[in-house]
């Protein structure tokens, strides 16, 4: 009895096969740089947009329900887009966004 049947071992083998291809590393690097830029942009812009939207809600010019519906629609579209990406690009994008958000 070997370790071939263990799910964690099969997962690690699949990851190893995926990252053995050279183009995956290019996708990973591109995703990391793009994700970092996206994270930095979100960190700079989102608080101001949220503050302006809060002001619009408080003055009665905007509705929180509409905001939540639009955010839900945006998240569904983003999930559909991300689920079609290459594994290396998706991993790089995720790590880059986290790095950009945590950067000081």
PDB file of N, CA and C in Angstrom:
ATOM      1  N   UNK A   1       0.838  -1.185   0.000  1.00  0.00           N
ATOM      2  CA  UNK A   1       0.000   0.000   0.000  1.00  0.00           C
ATOM      3  C   UNK A   1       0.881   1.245   0.000  1.00  0.00           C
ATOM      4  N   UNK A   2       0.685   2.073  -1.004  1.00  0.00           N
ATOM      5  CA  UNK A   2       1.484   3.286  -1.116  1.00  0.00           C
ATOM      6  C   UNK A   2       0.650   4.528  -0.833  1.00  0.00           C
ATOM      7  N   UNK A   3       1.274   5.641  -1.069  1.00  0.00           N
ATOM      8  CA  UNK A   3       0.601   6.918  -0.832  1.00  0.00           C
ATOM      9  C   UNK A   3      -0.163   7.425  -2.047  1.00  0.00           C
ATOM     10  N   UNK A   4      -0.218   6.627  -3.115  1.00  0.00           N
ATOM     11  CA  UNK A   4      -0.857   7.089  -4.350  1.00  0.00           C
ATOM     12  C   UNK A   4      -2.348   7.361  -4.174  1.00  0.00           C
ATOM     13  N   UNK A   5      -2.995   6.680  -3.237  1.00  0.00           N
ATOM     14  CA  UNK A   5      -4.437   6.838  -3.047  1.00  0.00           C
ATOM     15  C   UNK A   5      -4.818   7.999  -2.145  1.00  0.00           C
ATOM     16  N   UNK A   6      -3.858   8.606  -1.490  1.00  0.00           N
ATOM     17  CA  UNK A   6      -4.160   9.705  -0.567  1.00  0.00           C
ATOM     18  C   UNK A   6      -4.513  10.952  -1.383  1.00  0.00           C
ATOM     19  N   UNK A   7      -5.659  11.584  -1.086  1.00  0.00           N
ATOM     20  CA  UNK A   7      -6.080  12.755  -1.879  1.00  0.00           C
ATOM     21  C   UNK A   7      -5.064  13.898  -1.872  1.00  0.00           C
ATOM     22  N   UNK A   8      -4.400  14.122  -0.747  1.00  0.00           N
ATOM     23  CA  UNK A   8      -3.425  15.214  -0.680  1.00  0.00           C
ATOM     24  C   UNK A   8      -2.246  14.945  -1.612  1.00  0.00           C
ATOM     25  N   UNK A   9      -1.832  13.693  -1.702  1.00  0.00           N
ATOM     26  CA  UNK A   9      -0.717  13.333  -2.583  1.00  0.00           C
ATOM     27  C   UNK A   9      -1.119  13.507  -4.042  1.00  0.00           C
ATOM     28  N   UNK A  10      -2.334  13.085  -4.388  1.00  0.00           N
ATOM     29  CA  UNK A  10      -2.815  13.277  -5.766  1.00  0.00           C
ATOM     30  C   UNK A  10      -2.893  14.760  -6.110  1.00  0.00           C
ATOM     31  N   UNK A  11      -3.345  15.579  -5.152  1.00  0.00           N
ATOM     32  CA  UNK A  11      -3.417  17.022  -5.388  1.00  0.00           C
ATOM     33  C   UNK A  11      -2.027  17.602  -5.626  1.00  0.00           C
ATOM     34  N   UNK A  12      -1.065  17.222  -4.797  1.00  0.00           N
ATOM     35  CA  UNK A  12       0.299  17.736  -4.958  1.00  0.00           C
ATOM     36  C   UNK A  12       0.920  17.278  -6.275  1.00  0.00           C
ATOM     37  N   UNK A  13       0.613  16.067  -6.705  1.00  0.00           N
ATOM     38  CA  UNK A  13       1.104  15.599  -8.004  1.00  0.00           C
ATOM     39  C   UNK A  13       0.506  16.416  -9.139  1.00  0.00           C
ATOM     40  N   UNK A  14      -0.782  16.730  -9.046  1.00  0.00           N
ATOM     41  CA  UNK A  14      -1.436  17.542 -10.080  1.00  0.00           C
ATOM     42  C   UNK A  14      -0.848  18.945 -10.118  1.00  0.00           C
ATOM     43  N   UNK A  15      -0.579  19.520  -8.947  1.00  0.00           N
ATOM     44  CA  UNK A  15       0.035  20.853  -8.897  1.00  0.00           C
ATOM     45  C   UNK A  15       1.433  20.801  -9.492  1.00  0.00           C
ATOM     46  N   UNK A  16       2.188  19.756  -9.180  1.00  0.00           N
ATOM     47  CA  UNK A  16       3.525  19.603  -9.741  1.00  0.00           C
ATOM     48  C   UNK A  16       3.512  19.487 -11.253  1.00  0.00           C
ATOM     49  N   UNK A  17       2.562  18.717 -11.799  1.00  0.00           N
ATOM     50  CA  UNK A  17       2.452  18.605 -13.262  1.00  0.00           C
ATOM     51  C   UNK A  17       2.083  19.945 -13.880  1.00  0.00           C
ATOM     52  N   UNK A  18       1.197  20.685 -13.217  1.00  0.00           N
ATOM     53  CA  UNK A  18       0.765  21.984 -13.754  1.00  0.00           C
ATOM     54  C   UNK A  18       1.938  22.963 -13.809  1.00  0.00           C
ATOM     55  N   UNK A  19       2.720  23.023 -12.732  1.00  0.00           N
ATOM     56  CA  UNK A  19       3.803  24.000 -12.674  1.00  0.00           C
ATOM     57  C   UNK A  19       5.094  23.506 -13.310  1.00  0.00           C
ATOM     58  N   UNK A  20       5.089  22.313 -13.881  1.00  0.00           N
ATOM     59  CA  UNK A  20       6.253  21.831 -14.627  1.00  0.00           C
ATOM     60  C   UNK A  20       6.309  22.458 -16.015  1.00  0.00           C
ATOM     61  N   UNK A  21       5.199  22.999 -16.472  1.00  0.00           N
ATOM     62  CA  UNK A  21       5.166  23.638 -17.797  1.00  0.00           C
ATOM     63  C   UNK A  21       5.692  25.072 -17.673  1.00  0.00           C
ATOM     64  N   UNK A  22       6.567  25.518 -18.591  1.00  0.00           N
ATOM     65  CA  UNK A  22       7.175  26.845 -18.466  1.00  0.00           C
ATOM     66  C   UNK A  22       6.187  27.998 -18.626  1.00  0.00           C
ATOM     67  N   UNK A  23       5.141  27.834 -19.441  1.00  0.00           N
ATOM     68  CA  UNK A  23       4.229  28.962 -19.654  1.00  0.00           C
ATOM     69  C   UNK A  23       3.424  29.294 -18.401  1.00  0.00           C
ATOM     70  N   UNK A  24       3.287  28.325 -17.503  1.00  0.00           N
ATOM     71  CA  UNK A  24       2.542  28.586 -16.270  1.00  0.00           C
ATOM     72  C   UNK A  24       3.275  29.617 -15.425  1.00  0.00           C
ATOM     73  N   UNK A  25       4.590  29.585 -15.457  1.00  0.00           N
ATOM     74  CA  UNK A  25       5.357  30.558 -14.675  1.00  0.00           C
ATOM     75  C   UNK A  25       5.197  31.963 -15.250  1.00  0.00           C
ATOM     76  N   UNK A  26       5.080  32.070 -16.559  1.00  0.00           N
ATOM     77  CA  UNK A  26       4.819  33.381 -17.164  1.00  0.00           C
ATOM     78  C   UNK A  26       3.441  33.883 -16.750  1.00  0.00           C
ATOM     79  N   UNK A  27       2.454  32.988 -16.759  1.00  0.00           N
ATOM     80  CA  UNK A  27       1.116  33.365 -16.296  1.00  0.00           C
ATOM     81  C   UNK A  27       1.140  33.790 -14.834  1.00  0.00           C
ATOM     82  N   UNK A  28       1.897  33.057 -14.027  1.00  0.00           N
ATOM     83  CA  UNK A  28       1.988  33.369 -12.604  1.00  0.00           C
ATOM     84  C   UNK A  28       2.591  34.754 -12.387  1.00  0.00           C
ATOM     85  N   UNK A  29       3.667  35.056 -13.111  1.00  0.00           N
ATOM     86  CA  UNK A  29       4.291  36.375 -12.982  1.00  0.00           C
ATOM     87  C   UNK A  29       3.390  37.488 -13.464  1.00  0.00           C
ATOM     88  N   UNK A  30       2.752  37.296 -14.616  1.00  0.00           N
ATOM     89  CA  UNK A  30       1.835  38.308 -15.136  1.00  0.00           C
ATOM     90  C   UNK A  30       0.662  38.512 -14.186  1.00  0.00           C
ATOM     91  N   UNK A  31       0.135  37.423 -13.658  1.00  0.00           N
ATOM     92  CA  UNK A  31      -0.979  37.525 -12.717  1.00  0.00           C
ATOM     93  C   UNK A  31      -0.578  38.239 -11.441  1.00  0.00           C
ATOM     94  N   UNK A  32       0.640  37.972 -10.965  1.00  0.00           N
ATOM     95  CA  UNK A  32       1.101  38.620  -9.737  1.00  0.00           C
ATOM     96  C   UNK A  32       1.259  40.123  -9.933  1.00  0.00           C
ATOM     97  N   UNK A  33       1.863  40.539 -11.042  1.00  0.00           N
ATOM     98  CA  UNK A  33       2.012  41.975 -11.290  1.00  0.00           C
ATOM     99  C   UNK A  33       0.660  42.652 -11.491  1.00  0.00           C
ATOM    100  N   UNK A  34      -0.221  42.018 -12.251  1.00  0.00           N
ATOM    101  CA  UNK A  34      -1.549  42.585 -12.481  1.00  0.00           C
ATOM    102  C   UNK A  34      -2.351  42.640 -11.190  1.00  0.00           C
ATOM    103  N   UNK A  35      -2.279  41.574 -10.415  1.00  0.00           N
ATOM    104  CA  UNK A  35      -3.000  41.536  -9.146  1.00  0.00           C
ATOM    105  C   UNK A  35      -2.485  42.565  -8.165  1.00  0.00           C
ATOM    106  N   UNK A  36      -1.167  42.768  -8.140  1.00  0.00           N
ATOM    107  CA  UNK A  36      -0.599  43.777  -7.246  1.00  0.00           C
ATOM    108  C   UNK A  36      -1.114  45.161  -7.618  1.00  0.00           C
ATOM    109  N   UNK A  37      -1.122  45.468  -8.910  1.00  0.00           N
ATOM    110  CA  UNK A  37      -1.630  46.770  -9.355  1.00  0.00           C
ATOM    111  C   UNK A  37      -3.111  46.920  -9.016  1.00  0.00           C
ATOM    112  N   UNK A  38      -3.879  45.857  -9.207  1.00  0.00           N
ATOM    113  CA  UNK A  38      -5.301  45.894  -8.880  1.00  0.00           C
ATOM    114  C   UNK A  38      -5.517  46.089  -7.383  1.00  0.00           C
ATOM    115  N   UNK A  39      -4.730  45.414  -6.565  1.00  0.00           N
ATOM    116  CA  UNK A  39      -4.835  45.570  -5.118  1.00  0.00           C
ATOM    117  C   UNK A  39      -4.489  46.973  -4.660  1.00  0.00           C
ATOM    118  N   UNK A  40      -3.429  47.544  -5.223  1.00  0.00           N
ATOM    119  CA  UNK A  40      -3.051  48.926  -4.860  1.00  0.00           C
ATOM    120  C   UNK A  40      -4.122  49.921  -5.290  1.00  0.00           C
ATOM    121  N   UNK A  41      -4.697  49.714  -6.485  1.00  0.00           N
ATOM    122  CA  UNK A  41      -5.758  50.587  -6.974  1.00  0.00           C
ATOM    123  C   UNK A  41      -6.980  50.493  -6.060  1.00  0.00           C
ATOM    124  N   UNK A  42      -7.358  49.269  -5.704  1.00  0.00           N
ATOM    125  CA  UNK A  42      -8.525  49.085  -4.834  1.00  0.00           C
ATOM    126  C   UNK A  42      -8.288  49.710  -3.468  1.00  0.00           C
ATOM    127  N   UNK A  43      -7.076  49.579  -2.958  1.00  0.00           N
ATOM    128  CA  UNK A  43      -6.764  50.149  -1.646  1.00  0.00           C
ATOM    129  C   UNK A  43      -6.837  51.672  -1.667  1.00  0.00           C
ATOM    130  N   UNK A  44      -6.511  52.276  -2.789  1.00  0.00           N
ATOM    131  CA  UNK A  44      -6.537  53.733  -2.893  1.00  0.00           C
ATOM    132  C   UNK A  44      -7.925  54.274  -3.215  1.00  0.00           C
ATOM    133  N   UNK A  45      -8.713  53.554  -3.998  1.00  0.00           N
ATOM    134  CA  UNK A  45      -9.968  54.094  -4.526  1.00  0.00           C
ATOM    135  C   UNK A  45     -11.199  53.684  -3.719  1.00  0.00           C
ATOM    136  N   UNK A  46     -11.252  52.439  -3.273  1.00  0.00           N
ATOM    137  CA  UNK A  46     -12.472  51.922  -2.637  1.00  0.00           C
ATOM    138  C   UNK A  46     -12.891  52.721  -1.403  1.00  0.00           C
ATOM    139  N   UNK A  47     -11.992  53.120  -0.502  1.00  0.00           N
ATOM    140  CA  UNK A  47     -12.468  53.903   0.650  1.00  0.00           C
ATOM    141  C   UNK A  47     -13.130  55.227   0.250  1.00  0.00           C
ATOM    142  N   UNK A  48     -12.601  55.893  -0.760  1.00  0.00           N
ATOM    143  CA  UNK A  48     -13.197  57.163  -1.187  1.00  0.00           C
ATOM    144  C   UNK A  48     -14.554  56.955  -1.846  1.00  0.00           C
ATOM    145  N   UNK A  49     -14.656  55.933  -2.661  1.00  0.00           N
ATOM    146  CA  UNK A  49     -15.942  55.632  -3.306  1.00  0.00           C
ATOM    147  C   UNK A  49     -16.978  55.271  -2.248  1.00  0.00           C
ATOM    148  N   UNK A  50     -16.580  54.491  -1.253  1.00  0.00           N
ATOM    149  CA  UNK A  50     -17.505  54.124  -0.178  1.00  0.00           C
ATOM    150  C   UNK A  50     -17.942  55.351   0.610  1.00  0.00           C
ATOM    151  N   UNK A  51     -17.027  56.267   0.848  1.00  0.00           N
ATOM    152  CA  UNK A  51     -17.371  57.494   1.577  1.00  0.00           C
ATOM    153  C   UNK A  51     -18.339  58.359   0.782  1.00  0.00           C
ATOM    154  N   UNK A  52     -18.093  58.521  -0.506  1.00  0.00           N
ATOM    155  CA  UNK A  52     -19.015  59.297  -1.345  1.00  0.00           C
ATOM    156  C   UNK A  52     -20.381  58.626  -1.435  1.00  0.00           C
ATOM    157  N   UNK A  53     -20.405  57.297  -1.521  1.00  0.00           N
ATOM    158  CA  UNK A  53     -21.687  56.600  -1.599  1.00  0.00           C
ATOM    159  C   UNK A  53     -22.437  56.716  -0.281  1.00  0.00           C
ATOM    160  N   UNK A  54     -21.729  56.670   0.834  1.00  0.00           N
ATOM    161  CA  UNK A  54     -22.370  56.861   2.132  1.00  0.00           C
ATOM    162  C   UNK A  54     -22.999  58.244   2.217  1.00  0.00           C
ATOM    163  N   UNK A  55     -22.295  59.255   1.721  1.00  0.00           N
ATOM    164  CA  UNK A  55     -22.872  60.599   1.684  1.00  0.00           C
ATOM    165  C   UNK A  55     -24.113  60.661   0.819  1.00  0.00           C
ATOM    166  N   UNK A  56     -24.103  59.964  -0.312  1.00  0.00           N
ATOM    167  CA  UNK A  56     -25.274  59.946  -1.191  1.00  0.00           C
ATOM    168  C   UNK A  56     -26.445  59.230  -0.530  1.00  0.00           C
ATOM    169  N   UNK A  57     -26.168  58.164   0.211  1.00  0.00           N
ATOM    170  CA  UNK A  57     -27.242  57.453   0.918  1.00  0.00           C
ATOM    171  C   UNK A  57     -27.826  58.333   2.011  1.00  0.00           C
ATOM    172  N   UNK A  58     -26.959  59.006   2.752  1.00  0.00           N
ATOM    173  CA  UNK A  58     -27.436  59.853   3.850  1.00  0.00           C
ATOM    174  C   UNK A  58     -28.245  61.045   3.356  1.00  0.00           C
ATOM    175  N   UNK A  59     -27.944  61.552   2.176  1.00  0.00           N
ATOM    176  CA  UNK A  59     -28.711  62.677   1.634  1.00  0.00           C
ATOM    177  C   UNK A  59     -29.914  62.215   0.823  1.00  0.00           C
ATOM    178  N   UNK A  60     -30.090  60.904   0.669  1.00  0.00           N
ATOM    179  CA  UNK A  60     -31.258  60.380  -0.030  1.00  0.00           C
ATOM    180  C   UNK A  60     -31.116  60.284  -1.531  1.00  0.00           C
ATOM    181  N   UNK A  61     -29.913  60.437  -2.069  1.00  0.00           N
ATOM    182  CA  UNK A  61     -29.703  60.361  -3.519  1.00  0.00           C
ATOM    183  C   UNK A  61     -29.356  58.959  -4.006  1.00  0.00           C
ATOM    184  N   UNK A  62     -29.125  58.028  -3.088  1.00  0.00           N
ATOM    185  CA  UNK A  62     -28.756  56.663  -3.471  1.00  0.00           C
ATOM    186  C   UNK A  62     -29.457  55.670  -2.548  1.00  0.00           C
ATOM    187  N   UNK A  63     -29.545  54.441  -3.006  1.00  0.00           N
ATOM    188  CA  UNK A  63     -30.235  53.399  -2.245  1.00  0.00           C
ATOM    189  C   UNK A  63     -29.263  52.266  -1.924  1.00  0.00           C
ATOM    190  N   UNK A  64     -29.186  51.845  -0.663  1.00  0.00           N
ATOM    191  CA  UNK A  64     -28.310  50.720  -0.326  1.00  0.00           C
ATOM    192  C   UNK A  64     -28.736  49.417  -1.008  1.00  0.00           C
ATOM    193  N   UNK A  65     -30.040  49.241  -1.242  1.00  0.00           N
ATOM    194  CA  UNK A  65     -30.513  48.015  -1.893  1.00  0.00           C
ATOM    195  C   UNK A  65     -29.951  47.894  -3.305  1.00  0.00           C
ATOM    196  N   UNK A  66     -29.945  49.012  -4.022  1.00  0.00           N
ATOM    197  CA  UNK A  66     -29.409  49.000  -5.388  1.00  0.00           C
ATOM    198  C   UNK A  66     -27.915  48.670  -5.356  1.00  0.00           C
ATOM    199  N   UNK A  67     -27.210  49.223  -4.382  1.00  0.00           N
ATOM    200  CA  UNK A  67     -25.782  48.932  -4.250  1.00  0.00           C
ATOM    201  C   UNK A  67     -25.551  47.442  -4.028  1.00  0.00           C
ATOM    202  N   UNK A  68     -26.294  46.838  -3.123  1.00  0.00           N
ATOM    203  CA  UNK A  68     -26.101  45.421  -2.844  1.00  0.00           C
ATOM    204  C   UNK A  68     -26.452  44.559  -4.051  1.00  0.00           C
ATOM    205  N   UNK A  69     -27.493  44.916  -4.785  1.00  0.00           N
ATOM    206  CA  UNK A  69     -27.845  44.155  -5.988  1.00  0.00           C
ATOM    207  C   UNK A  69     -26.757  44.258  -7.051  1.00  0.00           C
ATOM    208  N   UNK A  70     -26.214  45.454  -7.224  1.00  0.00           N
ATOM    209  CA  UNK A  70     -25.147  45.632  -8.218  1.00  0.00           C
ATOM    210  C   UNK A  70     -23.860  44.932  -7.799  1.00  0.00           C
ATOM    211  N   UNK A  71     -23.551  44.971  -6.498  1.00  0.00           N
ATOM    212  CA  UNK A  71     -22.359  44.263  -6.022  1.00  0.00           C
ATOM    213  C   UNK A  71     -22.513  42.752  -6.195  1.00  0.00           C
ATOM    214  N   UNK A  72     -23.709  42.242  -5.947  1.00  0.00           N
ATOM    215  CA  UNK A  72     -23.960  40.810  -6.145  1.00  0.00           C
ATOM    216  C   UNK A  72     -23.779  40.430  -7.618  1.00  0.00           C
ATOM    217  N   UNK A  73     -24.297  41.245  -8.504  1.00  0.00           N
ATOM    218  CA  UNK A  73     -24.147  41.000  -9.943  1.00  0.00           C
ATOM    219  C   UNK A  73     -22.675  41.065 -10.354  1.00  0.00           C
ATOM    220  N   UNK A  74     -21.951  42.040  -9.815  1.00  0.00           N
ATOM    221  CA  UNK A  74     -20.526  42.171 -10.112  1.00  0.00           C
ATOM    222  C   UNK A  74     -19.748  40.951  -9.619  1.00  0.00           C
ATOM    223  N   UNK A  75     -20.073  40.465  -8.433  1.00  0.00           N
ATOM    224  CA  UNK A  75     -19.381  39.295  -7.897  1.00  0.00           C
ATOM    225  C   UNK A  75     -19.670  38.046  -8.735  1.00  0.00           C
ATOM    226  N   UNK A  76     -20.902  37.907  -9.229  1.00  0.00           N
ATOM    227  CA  UNK A  76     -21.215  36.764 -10.096  1.00  0.00           C
ATOM    228  C   UNK A  76     -20.417  36.826 -11.394  1.00  0.00           C
ATOM    229  N   UNK A  77     -20.319  38.013 -11.973  1.00  0.00           N
ATOM    230  CA  UNK A  77     -19.536  38.164 -13.207  1.00  0.00           C
ATOM    231  C   UNK A  77     -18.057  37.898 -12.959  1.00  0.00           C
ATOM    232  N   UNK A  78     -17.537  38.417 -11.833  1.00  0.00           N
ATOM    233  CA  UNK A  78     -16.127  38.203 -11.502  1.00  0.00           C
ATOM    234  C   UNK A  78     -15.845  36.717 -11.289  1.00  0.00           C
ATOM    235  N   UNK A  79     -16.752  36.015 -10.617  1.00  0.00           N
ATOM    236  CA  UNK A  79     -16.558  34.583 -10.393  1.00  0.00           C
ATOM    237  C   UNK A  79     -16.557  33.823 -11.713  1.00  0.00           C
ATOM    238  N   UNK A  80     -17.467  34.180 -12.610  1.00  0.00           N
ATOM    239  CA  UNK A  80     -17.518  33.523 -13.917  1.00  0.00           C
ATOM    240  C   UNK A  80     -16.227  33.772 -14.698  1.00  0.00           C
ATOM    241  N   UNK A  81     -15.696  34.994 -14.612  1.00  0.00           N
ATOM    242  CA  UNK A  81     -14.448  35.322 -15.299  1.00  0.00           C
ATOM    243  C   UNK A  81     -13.276  34.556 -14.694  1.00  0.00           C
ATOM    244  N   UNK A  82     -13.179  34.569 -13.364  1.00  0.00           N
ATOM    245  CA  UNK A  82     -12.049  33.931 -12.695  1.00  0.00           C
ATOM    246  C   UNK A  82     -12.065  32.417 -12.851  1.00  0.00           C
ATOM    247  N   UNK A  83     -13.236  31.825 -12.937  1.00  0.00           N
ATOM    248  CA  UNK A  83     -13.294  30.370 -13.064  1.00  0.00           C
ATOM    249  C   UNK A  83     -12.790  29.898 -14.422  1.00  0.00           C
ATOM    250  N   UNK A  84     -12.716  30.782 -15.400  1.00  0.00           N
ATOM    251  CA  UNK A  84     -12.217  30.404 -16.714  1.00  0.00           C
ATOM    252  C   UNK A  84     -10.739  30.672 -16.914  1.00  0.00           C
ATOM    253  N   UNK A  85     -10.064  31.222 -15.912  1.00  0.00           N
ATOM    254  CA  UNK A  85      -8.648  31.556 -16.057  1.00  0.00           C
ATOM    255  C   UNK A  85      -7.754  30.334 -15.894  1.00  0.00           C
ATOM    256  N   UNK A  86      -6.542  30.460 -16.408  1.00  0.00           N
ATOM    257  CA  UNK A  86      -5.494  29.463 -16.235  1.00  0.00           C
ATOM    258  C   UNK A  86      -5.133  29.383 -14.747  1.00  0.00           C
ATOM    259  N   UNK A  87      -4.730  28.203 -14.284  1.00  0.00           N
ATOM    260  CA  UNK A  87      -4.396  28.025 -12.872  1.00  0.00           C
ATOM    261  C   UNK A  87      -3.272  28.929 -12.398  1.00  0.00           C
ATOM    262  N   UNK A  88      -2.215  29.055 -13.188  1.00  0.00           N
ATOM    263  CA  UNK A  88      -1.098  29.913 -12.798  1.00  0.00           C
ATOM    264  C   UNK A  88      -1.485  31.376 -12.765  1.00  0.00           C
ATOM    265  N   UNK A  89      -2.284  31.800 -13.740  1.00  0.00           N
ATOM    266  CA  UNK A  89      -2.728  33.194 -13.779  1.00  0.00           C
ATOM    267  C   UNK A  89      -3.634  33.499 -12.594  1.00  0.00           C
ATOM    268  N   UNK A  90      -4.519  32.577 -12.270  1.00  0.00           N
ATOM    269  CA  UNK A  90      -5.432  32.769 -11.149  1.00  0.00           C
ATOM    270  C   UNK A  90      -4.675  32.829  -9.829  1.00  0.00           C
ATOM    271  N   UNK A  91      -3.714  31.944  -9.641  1.00  0.00           N
ATOM    272  CA  UNK A  91      -2.916  31.948  -8.419  1.00  0.00           C
ATOM    273  C   UNK A  91      -2.100  33.231  -8.313  1.00  0.00           C
ATOM    274  N   UNK A  92      -1.472  33.645  -9.404  1.00  0.00           N
ATOM    275  CA  UNK A  92      -0.699  34.882  -9.392  1.00  0.00           C
ATOM    276  C   UNK A  92      -1.568  36.091  -9.122  1.00  0.00           C
ATOM    277  N   UNK A  93      -2.745  36.126  -9.727  1.00  0.00           N
ATOM    278  CA  UNK A  93      -3.662  37.237  -9.515  1.00  0.00           C
ATOM    279  C   UNK A  93      -4.099  37.305  -8.057  1.00  0.00           C
ATOM    280  N   UNK A  94      -4.439  36.159  -7.494  1.00  0.00           N
ATOM    281  CA  UNK A  94      -4.860  36.131  -6.087  1.00  0.00           C
ATOM    282  C   UNK A  94      -3.754  36.579  -5.151  1.00  0.00           C
ATOM    283  N   UNK A  95      -2.555  36.054  -5.349  1.00  0.00           N
ATOM    284  CA  UNK A  95      -1.428  36.446  -4.500  1.00  0.00           C
ATOM    285  C   UNK A  95      -1.059  37.910  -4.696  1.00  0.00           C
ATOM    286  N   UNK A  96      -1.138  38.383  -5.937  1.00  0.00           N
ATOM    287  CA  UNK A  96      -0.821  39.784  -6.210  1.00  0.00           C
ATOM    288  C   UNK A  96      -1.807  40.733  -5.565  1.00  0.00           C
ATOM    289  N   UNK A  97      -3.098  40.414  -5.625  1.00  0.00           N
ATOM    290  CA  UNK A  97      -4.108  41.270  -4.993  1.00  0.00           C
ATOM    291  C   UNK A  97      -3.887  41.316  -3.490  1.00  0.00           C
ATOM    292  N   UNK A  98      -3.639  40.161  -2.882  1.00  0.00           N
ATOM    293  CA  UNK A  98      -3.387  40.147  -1.440  1.00  0.00           C
ATOM    294  C   UNK A  98      -2.137  40.944  -1.087  1.00  0.00           C
ATOM    295  N   UNK A  99      -1.110  40.840  -1.911  1.00  0.00           N
ATOM    296  CA  UNK A  99       0.115  41.598  -1.674  1.00  0.00           C
ATOM    297  C   UNK A  99      -0.128  43.094  -1.831  1.00  0.00           C
ATOM    298  N   UNK A 100      -0.891  43.477  -2.852  1.00  0.00           N
ATOM    299  CA  UNK A 100      -1.183  44.890  -3.062  1.00  0.00           C
ATOM    300  C   UNK A 100      -2.036  45.478  -1.958  1.00  0.00           C
ATOM    301  N   UNK A 101      -2.982  44.703  -1.445  1.00  0.00           N
ATOM    302  CA  UNK A 101      -3.833  45.195  -0.361  1.00  0.00           C
ATOM    303  C   UNK A 101      -3.077  45.311   0.951  1.00  0.00           C
ATOM    304  N   UNK A 102      -2.104  44.427   1.173  1.00  0.00           N
ATOM    305  CA  UNK A 102      -1.386  44.447   2.443  1.00  0.00           C
ATOM    306  C   UNK A 102      -0.172  45.370   2.419  1.00  0.00           C
ATOM    307  N   UNK A 103       0.194  45.876   1.251  1.00  0.00           N
ATOM    308  CA  UNK A 103       1.357  46.759   1.143  1.00  0.00           C
ATOM    309  C   UNK A 103       1.060  48.090   1.813  1.00  0.00           C
ATOM    310  N   UNK A 104       2.068  48.661   2.425  1.00  0.00           N
ATOM    311  CA  UNK A 104       1.866  49.940   3.109  1.00  0.00           C
ATOM    312  C   UNK A 104       2.207  51.028   2.198  1.00  0.00           C
TER     313      UNK A 104
END
